[in-house]
Amino acid sequence: MSPIYQQAGLSLARNASNDPHMVSALQEDLRALGYLRGMIDGSFGAGTESAVRALQFDLLNNHGTSREADGEAPVAMTDFNQAGGVPQVTAVNGVVDQALAGCIAALLADTRVAKLPNAADPAGENAKVAAAIAQLYNGIAPSPFMLAIFRQESGVRHFCVPAGGNADDYIVVGLDHAEAANADAITSRGYGVGQYTLFHHPPSAAEVNDLMRDPAQNVRHAYAELRDKFDHFVAGTADRAEDRSAEHPLLPLRLCKYAPRDARYLADCRNCALAARKVNIVPGMPCCEGSASSYHVDQYYATATYHGVPDRADFACDWPYAVRRYNGAGQDSYHYQTRVLLNLLKD
């Protein structure tokens, strides 16, 4: 079935007189295809324009390769920018015309292009997150840190819950634009409550089934990901975290100050955070001793001022450093670490 907005003379754009029903249908398709962060409200605003521009960029440039080592996409987006051998999209302009609508229709009709899931009962699906955390007390990673991560990543939501005029019930998705030279390019996408990240697009059907449909499965992947960062990216063979090297250069990796038989093992993290000295962070402060990075405002973080942050160096474990590596490296990972540590103080 063709989209309702696929018609002769089509022109949907920001600051234009658009049919709200057509825009809502377009937004739903952009959500399903992984280009719109959120809001299905019939208003062609900045978010919808950004999604359209990202789709146009991919139709021109995305050949299915990964930006990291996580495998190729099942299909090249550039393959859908043809009709009778004629390129349909020739520029990135944020305007939906008949040619782009035809590309969207082809993407929606092709079974190789897996669609992002939505939920009939998103609030009920989100409630499964707490149950999954309760069931995963198994020594992989500390649940209090995981909950603090989920608060930062997704507000502990796997699916968006419709509210007011916003009909969005799709999986929570984070879109990164990390290429300064190509601001329209989505360089990675985080999915669900744990924002499990893929660096290729579109995802495969197996990835949608394994990472996205079930909140509990997404939670399990997040636990495993944090444990991998702990084992290999703090003081391991893959990499060494600069903050940990600066603050505890000689210590072996520390899982927890409590023994596994103790009920507080990997579970009493909030009390450890409460007991830690508190530090205040201001713009320009080095991220750690000897670091080339400092705290400052950027496109992802509107403030670089934080008060009462538990001092990561005071923890008798290395999970604060693993948390930072869960988000990558560089200056933004320190913002992330700081916010997760503050989340750890919450009840």
Protein backbone atom coordinates (compact mmCIF):
# COMPACT_ATOMS: atom_id res chain seq x y z
CA MET A 1 0.00 0.00 0.00
CA SER A 2 1.35 3.41 -0.95
CA PRO A 3 1.73 6.06 1.77
CA ILE A 4 -1.19 8.50 1.83
CA TYR A 5 1.24 11.32 1.13
CA GLN A 6 2.55 9.71 -2.07
CA GLN A 7 0.75 11.80 -4.66
CA ALA A 8 1.48 14.06 -7.60
CA GLY A 9 2.71 17.53 -6.77
CA LEU A 10 3.63 16.58 -3.22
CA SER A 11 5.64 19.07 -1.19
CA LEU A 12 5.92 18.70 2.59
CA ALA A 13 8.40 20.98 4.31
CA ARG A 14 9.10 22.94 7.43
CA ASN A 15 7.34 26.32 7.63
CA ALA A 16 4.96 25.30 4.81
CA SER A 17 1.20 24.77 4.79
CA ASN A 18 1.17 21.02 5.29
CA ASP A 19 -1.70 18.58 5.70
CA PRO A 20 -1.32 17.34 9.33
CA HIS A 21 -2.65 13.88 8.42
CA MET A 22 0.00 13.50 5.73
CA VAL A 23 2.71 14.73 8.09
CA SER A 24 1.62 12.25 10.79
CA ALA A 25 1.78 9.42 8.27
CA LEU A 26 5.22 10.59 7.15
CA GLN A 27 6.43 10.80 10.75
CA GLU A 28 5.25 7.29 11.48
CA ASP A 29 7.12 5.98 8.45
CA LEU A 30 10.27 7.90 9.41
CA ARG A 31 10.03 6.41 12.93
CA ALA A 32 9.60 2.88 11.55
CA LEU A 33 12.59 3.39 9.24
CA GLY A 34 14.82 4.70 12.06
CA TYR A 35 15.24 8.35 11.06
CA LEU A 36 12.94 10.25 13.41
CA ARG A 37 13.86 10.44 17.10
CA GLY A 38 10.29 10.99 18.25
CA MET A 39 7.03 12.97 17.97
CA ILE A 40 4.23 11.78 15.74
CA ASP A 41 2.08 14.88 16.03
CA GLY A 42 1.33 16.09 12.50
CA SER A 43 3.63 19.09 12.80
CA PHE A 44 6.55 19.32 10.37
CA GLY A 45 9.08 20.85 12.76
CA ALA A 46 12.84 20.80 13.16
CA GLY A 47 12.90 17.12 14.21
CA THR A 48 10.97 15.97 11.16
CA GLU A 49 13.11 18.10 8.87
CA SER A 50 16.27 16.61 10.41
CA ALA A 51 14.86 13.09 9.83
CA VAL A 52 14.08 13.85 6.19
CA ARG A 53 17.55 15.29 5.62
CA ALA A 54 19.15 12.21 7.25
CA LEU A 55 17.12 9.91 4.99
CA GLN A 56 18.10 11.91 1.92
CA PHE A 57 21.74 11.76 2.97
CA ASP A 58 21.55 7.97 3.32
CA LEU A 59 19.83 7.50 -0.03
CA LEU A 60 22.77 9.34 -1.57
CA ASN A 61 25.61 7.94 0.54
CA ASN A 62 24.77 4.88 2.68
CA HIS A 63 26.12 1.79 0.90
CA GLY A 64 25.45 -0.52 3.84
CA THR A 65 28.89 -0.45 5.42
CA SER A 66 29.40 -0.10 9.16
CA ARG A 67 31.14 2.84 10.79
CA GLU A 68 32.50 0.39 13.38
CA ALA A 69 33.19 -3.33 13.42
CA ASP A 70 29.59 -4.49 13.93
CA GLY A 71 28.88 -5.92 10.50
CA GLU A 72 27.26 -4.59 7.36
CA ALA A 73 23.63 -3.66 6.93
CA PRO A 74 21.46 -6.23 5.12
CA VAL A 75 20.91 -3.80 2.25
CA ALA A 76 22.37 -0.55 0.93
CA MET A 77 20.11 2.48 1.29
CA THR A 78 21.51 3.81 -1.98
CA ASP A 79 19.79 0.90 -3.77
CA PHE A 80 16.44 2.57 -3.08
CA ASN A 81 17.35 5.84 -4.74
CA GLN A 82 16.48 4.60 -8.20
CA ALA A 83 13.35 4.38 -10.33
CA GLY A 84 13.82 3.02 -13.83
CA GLY A 85 17.55 3.64 -13.47
CA VAL A 86 16.98 7.32 -12.69
CA PRO A 87 18.20 8.77 -9.34
CA GLN A 88 15.24 10.06 -7.35
CA VAL A 89 16.95 12.09 -4.62
CA THR A 90 19.70 14.37 -5.86
CA ALA A 91 20.12 16.77 -2.94
CA VAL A 92 19.69 17.04 0.83
CA ASN A 93 17.09 19.77 1.31
CA GLY A 94 14.63 18.52 3.95
CA VAL A 95 11.67 18.63 1.53
CA VAL A 96 9.48 15.60 0.87
CA ASP A 97 8.43 15.49 -2.77
CA GLN A 98 6.90 12.77 -4.90
CA ALA A 99 10.29 11.27 -5.72
CA LEU A 100 11.33 10.92 -2.05
CA ALA A 101 7.89 9.55 -1.19
CA GLY A 102 8.48 6.85 -3.80
CA CYS A 103 11.77 5.93 -2.15
CA ILE A 104 10.04 5.69 1.24
CA ALA A 105 7.33 3.47 -0.26
CA ALA A 106 10.00 1.16 -1.70
CA LEU A 107 11.77 0.95 1.67
CA LEU A 108 8.55 0.14 3.49
CA ALA A 109 7.66 -2.59 0.98
CA ASP A 110 11.04 -4.35 1.04
CA THR A 111 11.25 -7.13 3.63
CA ARG A 112 15.05 -6.75 3.79
CA VAL A 113 14.54 -3.38 5.46
CA ALA A 114 13.59 -4.31 9.02
CA LYS A 115 11.20 -1.83 10.64
CA LEU A 116 11.62 -0.60 14.19
CA PRO A 117 9.02 -2.06 16.56
CA ASN A 118 6.20 -0.25 18.30
CA ALA A 119 3.99 -1.50 21.12
CA ALA A 120 0.25 -1.82 21.59
CA ASP A 121 0.81 -1.33 25.34
CA PRO A 122 4.05 0.64 25.69
CA ALA A 123 3.55 1.39 29.39
CA GLY A 124 3.05 -2.31 30.08
CA GLU A 125 6.14 -3.21 28.07
CA ASN A 126 8.18 -0.60 29.96
CA ALA A 127 7.09 -2.17 33.24
CA LYS A 128 8.97 -5.31 32.20
CA VAL A 129 12.27 -3.44 32.64
CA ALA A 130 12.07 -3.47 36.45
CA ALA A 131 11.23 -7.19 36.43
CA ALA A 132 14.17 -7.89 34.13
CA ILE A 133 16.56 -6.00 36.43
CA ALA A 134 15.26 -7.93 39.44
CA GLN A 135 15.83 -11.24 37.66
CA LEU A 136 19.35 -10.34 36.52
CA TYR A 137 21.03 -10.31 39.93
CA ASN A 138 23.56 -12.84 38.73
CA GLY A 139 26.99 -11.30 39.21
CA ILE A 140 27.35 -9.97 35.67
CA ALA A 141 27.14 -6.27 36.58
CA PRO A 142 25.75 -4.25 39.51
CA SER A 143 22.04 -3.54 39.12
CA PRO A 144 22.18 -0.10 40.82
CA PHE A 145 24.70 1.05 38.22
CA MET A 146 22.56 -0.45 35.45
CA LEU A 147 19.47 1.40 36.70
CA ALA A 148 21.49 4.63 36.84
CA ILE A 149 22.57 4.01 33.24
CA PHE A 150 18.99 3.34 32.13
CA ARG A 151 17.89 6.61 33.74
CA GLN A 152 20.51 8.45 31.72
CA GLU A 153 20.00 6.57 28.48
CA SER A 154 16.23 6.39 28.19
CA GLY A 155 14.47 7.49 31.36
CA VAL A 156 14.05 3.72 32.02
CA ARG A 157 11.75 3.46 28.99
CA HIS A 158 11.97 0.94 26.19
CA PHE A 159 9.00 2.26 24.23
CA CYS A 160 7.67 5.79 23.95
CA VAL A 161 4.27 6.28 25.57
CA PRO A 162 1.76 8.40 23.61
CA ALA A 163 0.70 11.58 25.38
CA GLY A 164 -1.39 14.55 24.34
CA GLY A 165 -1.11 15.04 20.61
CA ASN A 166 1.94 12.79 20.29
CA ALA A 167 0.99 9.30 19.03
CA ASP A 168 4.54 7.90 19.20
CA ASP A 169 4.59 4.34 20.58
CA TYR A 170 7.82 3.19 18.91
CA ILE A 171 11.00 2.00 20.57
CA VAL A 172 13.08 4.73 22.21
CA VAL A 173 15.92 5.58 19.83
CA GLY A 174 18.94 7.82 20.18
CA LEU A 175 20.48 9.32 17.05
CA ASP A 176 24.10 10.48 16.99
CA HIS A 177 25.41 13.01 14.48
CA ALA A 178 29.15 12.76 15.10
CA GLU A 179 30.56 13.90 11.75
CA ALA A 180 31.19 17.62 11.68
CA ALA A 181 31.67 17.54 7.91
CA ASN A 182 28.33 15.73 7.38
CA ALA A 183 25.92 17.11 9.94
CA ASP A 184 22.96 15.31 8.34
CA ALA A 185 24.54 11.87 8.68
CA ILE A 186 23.30 9.67 11.53
CA THR A 187 26.52 7.99 12.61
CA SER A 188 25.01 5.56 15.12
CA ARG A 189 21.71 4.65 16.72
CA GLY A 190 21.00 3.53 20.27
CA TYR A 191 17.94 1.34 20.79
CA GLY A 192 15.66 0.79 23.75
CA VAL A 193 16.07 1.13 27.47
CA GLY A 194 19.81 0.36 27.37
CA GLN A 195 20.42 2.25 24.11
CA TYR A 196 22.28 -0.70 22.60
CA THR A 197 24.20 0.89 19.75
CA LEU A 198 24.48 -0.14 16.11
CA PHE A 199 26.80 1.60 13.66
CA HIS A 200 25.15 0.32 10.49
CA HIS A 201 21.70 0.97 9.08
CA PRO A 202 19.21 -0.47 8.49
CA PRO A 203 19.41 -3.17 11.16
CA SER A 204 18.82 -6.77 10.26
CA ALA A 205 15.62 -8.60 11.16
CA ALA A 206 17.64 -10.68 13.63
CA GLU A 207 18.92 -7.52 15.34
CA VAL A 208 15.40 -6.13 15.63
CA ASN A 209 14.19 -9.39 17.16
CA ASP A 210 17.18 -9.82 19.46
CA LEU A 211 17.73 -6.24 20.64
CA MET A 212 14.50 -4.31 20.20
CA ARG A 213 11.25 -6.20 20.50
CA ASP A 214 11.65 -7.47 24.06
CA PRO A 215 12.67 -5.00 26.82
CA ALA A 216 14.04 -7.84 28.96
CA GLN A 217 16.35 -8.97 26.16
CA ASN A 218 17.59 -5.41 25.68
CA VAL A 219 18.34 -5.22 29.42
CA ARG A 220 20.32 -8.47 29.25
CA HIS A 221 22.40 -7.09 26.39
CA ALA A 222 23.06 -3.92 28.40
CA TYR A 223 24.32 -5.93 31.38
CA ALA A 224 26.62 -7.92 29.12
CA GLU A 225 27.87 -4.74 27.42
CA LEU A 226 28.76 -3.06 30.72
CA ARG A 227 30.56 -6.20 31.89
CA ASP A 228 32.53 -6.29 28.64
CA LYS A 229 33.59 -2.68 29.18
CA PHE A 230 34.62 -3.54 32.73
CA ASP A 231 36.65 -6.58 31.70
CA HIS A 232 38.38 -5.16 28.64
CA PHE A 233 38.26 -1.35 28.52
CA VAL A 234 39.19 -0.22 32.04
CA ALA A 235 42.51 -1.94 32.69
CA GLY A 236 42.30 -4.73 30.18
CA THR A 237 43.81 -5.84 26.91
CA ALA A 238 41.54 -3.83 24.59
CA ASP A 239 42.17 -0.44 26.21
CA ARG A 240 42.95 1.32 29.47
CA ALA A 241 40.71 4.09 30.83
CA GLU A 242 42.75 7.26 31.32
CA ASP A 243 40.85 8.30 34.46
CA ARG A 244 41.41 4.94 36.11
CA SER A 245 45.08 4.93 35.08
CA ALA A 246 45.49 8.39 36.63
CA GLU A 247 43.71 7.57 39.89
CA HIS A 248 44.47 3.89 40.54
CA PRO A 249 47.38 2.97 38.26
CA LEU A 250 48.66 0.00 40.24
CA LEU A 251 45.51 -1.74 41.45
CA PRO A 252 44.08 -4.84 39.77
CA LEU A 253 40.50 -4.68 38.54
CA ARG A 254 38.07 -4.52 41.47
CA LEU A 255 34.59 -6.03 41.11
CA CYS A 256 33.24 -5.08 44.53
CA LYS A 257 34.47 -4.40 48.04
CA TYR A 258 32.11 -7.08 49.34
CA ALA A 259 32.57 -10.82 48.94
CA PRO A 260 30.21 -12.70 46.59
CA ARG A 261 28.52 -14.40 49.54
CA ASP A 262 27.63 -11.01 51.05
CA ALA A 263 24.12 -9.74 50.24
CA ARG A 264 25.65 -6.35 49.44
CA TYR A 265 27.84 -7.77 46.67
CA LEU A 266 27.20 -5.77 43.44
CA ALA A 267 24.05 -4.42 45.11
CA ASP A 268 24.94 -1.72 47.68
CA CYS A 269 26.25 0.83 45.18
CA ARG A 270 24.00 3.68 46.31
CA ASN A 271 25.42 3.55 49.82
CA CYS A 272 28.94 3.55 48.37
CA ALA A 273 27.98 6.63 46.33
CA LEU A 274 26.53 8.34 49.40
CA ALA A 275 29.71 7.61 51.39
CA ALA A 276 32.07 8.91 48.69
CA ARG A 277 33.47 12.42 48.87
CA LYS A 278 31.55 14.84 46.69
CA VAL A 279 33.12 17.00 44.00
CA ASN A 280 31.85 20.00 42.05
CA ILE A 281 32.57 20.17 38.34
CA VAL A 282 32.81 23.45 36.43
CA PRO A 283 33.49 24.28 32.76
CA GLY A 284 37.13 24.03 31.83
CA MET A 285 38.02 21.55 34.57
CA PRO A 286 40.26 18.73 33.27
CA CYS A 287 38.37 15.45 33.06
CA CYS A 288 41.14 13.81 35.07
CA GLU A 289 44.74 14.52 35.94
CA GLY A 290 46.85 14.63 32.78
CA SER A 291 43.80 14.47 30.45
CA ALA A 292 43.71 16.47 27.23
CA SER A 293 39.91 16.69 27.63
CA SER A 294 38.02 19.13 29.84
CA TYR A 295 34.37 19.59 30.76
CA HIS A 296 32.57 21.95 28.39
CA VAL A 297 29.20 22.42 26.73
CA ASP A 298 28.58 20.80 23.34
CA GLN A 299 25.72 19.61 21.13
CA TYR A 300 24.85 16.77 23.50
CA TYR A 301 25.34 18.41 26.90
CA ALA A 302 23.91 21.87 27.57
CA THR A 303 25.75 22.29 30.87
CA ALA A 304 29.20 21.48 32.19
CA THR A 305 28.40 22.43 35.79
CA TYR A 306 27.64 19.67 38.27
CA HIS A 307 27.36 19.81 42.06
CA GLY A 308 27.77 17.05 44.64
CA VAL A 309 29.09 14.38 42.30
CA PRO A 310 30.32 11.21 44.04
CA ASP A 311 34.09 11.06 43.56
CA ARG A 312 34.74 8.09 41.28
CA ALA A 313 38.17 7.61 42.88
CA ASP A 314 36.54 6.93 46.26
CA PHE A 315 34.69 3.83 45.11
CA ALA A 316 36.33 0.56 46.12
CA CYS A 317 35.42 -0.88 42.72
CA ASP A 318 36.01 0.01 39.07
CA TRP A 319 32.41 0.26 37.86
CA PRO A 320 32.48 4.10 37.68
CA TYR A 321 35.25 3.78 35.08
CA ALA A 322 33.40 1.01 33.20
CA VAL A 323 30.30 3.22 33.08
CA ARG A 324 32.27 5.88 31.24
CA ARG A 325 33.51 3.36 28.69
CA TYR A 326 29.91 2.14 28.19
CA ASN A 327 29.45 5.53 26.50
CA GLY A 328 32.71 5.44 24.56
CA ALA A 329 35.61 7.79 25.25
CA GLY A 330 36.50 11.46 25.09
CA GLN A 331 34.93 14.48 26.73
CA ASP A 332 31.30 13.41 26.34
CA SER A 333 31.95 10.14 28.15
CA TYR A 334 32.93 12.15 31.23
CA HIS A 335 29.64 14.04 31.14
CA TYR A 336 27.93 10.67 30.89
CA GLN A 337 29.89 9.21 33.80
CA THR A 338 29.08 12.25 35.94
CA ARG A 339 25.35 12.02 35.28
CA VAL A 340 25.25 8.29 35.97
CA LEU A 341 27.05 8.83 39.29
CA LEU A 342 24.48 11.49 40.21
CA ASN A 343 21.69 9.08 39.21
CA LEU A 344 23.21 6.54 41.57
CA LEU A 345 22.32 8.81 44.50
CA LYS A 346 18.61 8.65 43.66
CA ASP A 347 16.27 6.32 45.51
